[in-house]
Amino acid sequence: MYNRFGTTAEMVIQTVEENGKEYVLAIDSQGLYMTTPNYVGNPSADRNRFSQTRAATNERLQALGLDPVALWNDNQHRIQVASVETKKINPLKASKRGARG
């Protein structure tokens, strides 16, 4: 299910341990980010997804021995896209509606 502000399980790449704390590495259309496990699957907004610490994610991953570019390229299929459903219009009925005037 698409979640515009939260982190879903489909977005999770892997868990990462940094300074004795467990984080979850996730991906969205803006790139990679690290969040805490309690935000995954939670319907509320994930503050780590939209915080200023996101800019330092690549440096944090490199310090842990991970390649952010390779992770981004290998996990782009996890990026969720919102689809807009449109109602299909029957052209015959539409033309009759327009003819009524």
C-alpha atoms as a PDB file:
ATOM      1  CA  MET A   1       0.000   0.000   0.000  1.00  0.00           C
ATOM      2  CA  TYR A   2       1.280   3.460  -0.889  1.00  0.00           C
ATOM      3  CA  ASN A   3       2.029   5.717   2.056  1.00  0.00           C
ATOM      4  CA  ARG A   4       2.970   9.271   1.165  1.00  0.00           C
ATOM      5  CA  PHE A   5       4.593  10.237   4.473  1.00  0.00           C
ATOM      6  CA  GLY A   6       5.336   7.038   6.364  1.00  0.00           C
ATOM      7  CA  THR A   7       7.708   4.121   5.862  1.00  0.00           C
ATOM      8  CA  THR A   8       6.254   0.803   4.728  1.00  0.00           C
ATOM      9  CA  ALA A   9       7.855  -2.648   4.817  1.00  0.00           C
ATOM     10  CA  GLU A  10       8.188  -2.591   1.012  1.00  0.00           C
ATOM     11  CA  MET A  11      10.536   0.408   1.268  1.00  0.00           C
ATOM     12  CA  VAL A  12      12.958  -1.327   3.674  1.00  0.00           C
ATOM     13  CA  ILE A  13      16.282  -2.490   2.241  1.00  0.00           C
ATOM     14  CA  GLN A  14      18.019  -3.861   5.332  1.00  0.00           C
ATOM     15  CA  THR A  15      18.697  -3.262   9.012  1.00  0.00           C
ATOM     16  CA  VAL A  16      21.887  -1.485  10.008  1.00  0.00           C
ATOM     17  CA  GLU A  17      23.590  -1.225  13.383  1.00  0.00           C
ATOM     18  CA  GLU A  18      25.308   2.073  14.143  1.00  0.00           C
ATOM     19  CA  ASN A  19      26.849   2.966  17.522  1.00  0.00           C
ATOM     20  CA  GLY A  20      24.979   0.130  19.211  1.00  0.00           C
ATOM     21  CA  LYS A  21      21.585   1.238  17.896  1.00  0.00           C
ATOM     22  CA  GLU A  22      19.523  -0.562  15.278  1.00  0.00           C
ATOM     23  CA  TYR A  23      18.328   1.430  12.274  1.00  0.00           C
ATOM     24  CA  VAL A  24      16.401   0.507   9.156  1.00  0.00           C
ATOM     25  CA  LEU A  25      17.733   1.544   5.756  1.00  0.00           C
ATOM     26  CA  ALA A  26      14.880   2.492   3.432  1.00  0.00           C
ATOM     27  CA  ILE A  27      14.411   4.082   0.025  1.00  0.00           C
ATOM     28  CA  ASP A  28      11.943   6.493  -1.541  1.00  0.00           C
ATOM     29  CA  SER A  29      11.889   8.723  -4.608  1.00  0.00           C
ATOM     30  CA  GLN A  30      14.239  11.224  -2.929  1.00  0.00           C
ATOM     31  CA  GLY A  31      16.912   8.638  -2.130  1.00  0.00           C
ATOM     32  CA  LEU A  32      18.123   6.509   0.764  1.00  0.00           C
ATOM     33  CA  TYR A  33      17.393   7.295   4.397  1.00  0.00           C
ATOM     34  CA  MET A  34      17.815   5.682   7.806  1.00  0.00           C
ATOM     35  CA  THR A  35      14.974   5.448  10.288  1.00  0.00           C
ATOM     36  CA  THR A  36      14.132   3.572  13.459  1.00  0.00           C
ATOM     37  CA  PRO A  37      12.215   0.259  13.350  1.00  0.00           C
ATOM     38  CA  ASN A  38       9.201   1.685  15.216  1.00  0.00           C
ATOM     39  CA  TYR A  39       8.287   3.852  12.185  1.00  0.00           C
ATOM     40  CA  VAL A  40       8.078   0.915   9.749  1.00  0.00           C
ATOM     41  CA  GLY A  41       4.443   0.040   9.090  1.00  0.00           C
ATOM     42  CA  ASN A  42       3.241   2.876  11.291  1.00  0.00           C
ATOM     43  CA  PRO A  43       0.572   4.971   9.509  1.00  0.00           C
ATOM     44  CA  SER A  44       1.896   8.228  10.976  1.00  0.00           C
ATOM     45  CA  ALA A  45       4.515  10.369   9.249  1.00  0.00           C
ATOM     46  CA  ASP A  46       8.134   9.264   9.604  1.00  0.00           C
ATOM     47  CA  ARG A  47      10.130  12.254  10.873  1.00  0.00           C
ATOM     48  CA  ASN A  48      13.400  10.618   9.776  1.00  0.00           C
ATOM     49  CA  ARG A  49      12.173  10.489   6.185  1.00  0.00           C
ATOM     50  CA  PHE A  50      11.823  14.270   6.008  1.00  0.00           C
ATOM     51  CA  SER A  51      14.499  15.480   8.441  1.00  0.00           C
ATOM     52  CA  GLN A  52      17.754  17.326   7.818  1.00  0.00           C
ATOM     53  CA  THR A  53      19.784  14.282   8.931  1.00  0.00           C
ATOM     54  CA  ARG A  54      18.820  12.636   5.668  1.00  0.00           C
ATOM     55  CA  ALA A  55      21.494  14.669   3.884  1.00  0.00           C
ATOM     56  CA  ALA A  56      24.194  12.804   5.825  1.00  0.00           C
ATOM     57  CA  THR A  57      22.872   9.326   4.993  1.00  0.00           C
ATOM     58  CA  ASN A  58      25.459   8.629   2.283  1.00  0.00           C
ATOM     59  CA  GLU A  59      28.323   9.533   4.627  1.00  0.00           C
ATOM     60  CA  ARG A  60      26.854   7.370   7.393  1.00  0.00           C
ATOM     61  CA  LEU A  61      26.534   4.407   5.014  1.00  0.00           C
ATOM     62  CA  GLN A  62      30.107   4.806   3.763  1.00  0.00           C
ATOM     63  CA  ALA A  63      31.351   4.887   7.373  1.00  0.00           C
ATOM     64  CA  LEU A  64      29.554   1.562   7.919  1.00  0.00           C
ATOM     65  CA  GLY A  65      31.268   0.066   4.863  1.00  0.00           C
ATOM     66  CA  LEU A  66      28.225   0.152   2.564  1.00  0.00           C
ATOM     67  CA  ASP A  67      28.093   1.584  -0.956  1.00  0.00           C
ATOM     68  CA  PRO A  68      25.182   4.049  -1.218  1.00  0.00           C
ATOM     69  CA  VAL A  69      25.319   4.231  -5.026  1.00  0.00           C
ATOM     70  CA  ALA A  70      25.111   0.441  -5.386  1.00  0.00           C
ATOM     71  CA  LEU A  71      22.287   0.270  -2.815  1.00  0.00           C
ATOM     72  CA  TRP A  72      20.374   2.956  -4.717  1.00  0.00           C
ATOM     73  CA  ASN A  73      20.828   1.221  -8.074  1.00  0.00           C
ATOM     74  CA  ASP A  74      19.950  -2.247  -6.742  1.00  0.00           C
ATOM     75  CA  ASN A  75      16.805  -1.157  -4.865  1.00  0.00           C
ATOM     76  CA  GLN A  76      15.026   1.322  -7.126  1.00  0.00           C
ATOM     77  CA  HIS A  77      12.274  -1.253  -7.658  1.00  0.00           C
ATOM     78  CA  ARG A  78      11.204  -0.624  -4.045  1.00  0.00           C
ATOM     79  CA  ILE A  79      10.263   3.008  -4.713  1.00  0.00           C
ATOM     80  CA  GLN A  80       6.534   3.425  -4.345  1.00  0.00           C
ATOM     81  CA  VAL A  81       4.652   5.416  -6.937  1.00  0.00           C
ATOM     82  CA  ALA A  82       1.213   6.870  -6.374  1.00  0.00           C
ATOM     83  CA  SER A  83      -1.173   5.978  -9.129  1.00  0.00           C
ATOM     84  CA  VAL A  84      -4.205   8.059  -9.888  1.00  0.00           C
ATOM     85  CA  GLU A  85      -7.251   6.106 -10.906  1.00  0.00           C
ATOM     86  CA  THR A  86      -9.402   7.776 -13.502  1.00  0.00           C
ATOM     87  CA  LYS A  87     -12.902   6.816 -14.362  1.00  0.00           C
ATOM     88  CA  LYS A  88     -13.208   5.322 -17.822  1.00  0.00           C
ATOM     89  CA  ILE A  89     -15.525   7.239 -20.095  1.00  0.00           C
ATOM     90  CA  ASN A  90     -17.673   5.553 -22.678  1.00  0.00           C
ATOM     91  CA  PRO A  91     -17.275   7.689 -25.825  1.00  0.00           C
ATOM     92  CA  LEU A  92     -20.766   6.827 -27.065  1.00  0.00           C
ATOM     93  CA  LYS A  93     -22.435   8.070 -23.900  1.00  0.00           C
ATOM     94  CA  ALA A  94     -20.203  11.125 -23.817  1.00  0.00           C
ATOM     95  CA  SER A  95     -21.189  12.087 -27.347  1.00  0.00           C
ATOM     96  CA  LYS A  96     -24.885  11.737 -26.463  1.00  0.00           C
ATOM     97  CA  ARG A  97     -24.435  13.957 -23.404  1.00  0.00           C
ATOM     98  CA  GLY A  98     -22.781  16.614 -25.542  1.00  0.00           C
ATOM     99  CA  ALA A  99     -25.574  16.453 -28.137  1.00  0.00           C
ATOM    100  CA  ARG A 100     -28.256  17.302 -25.541  1.00  0.00           C
ATOM    101  CA  GLY A 101     -26.992  20.847 -25.458  1.00  0.00           C
END
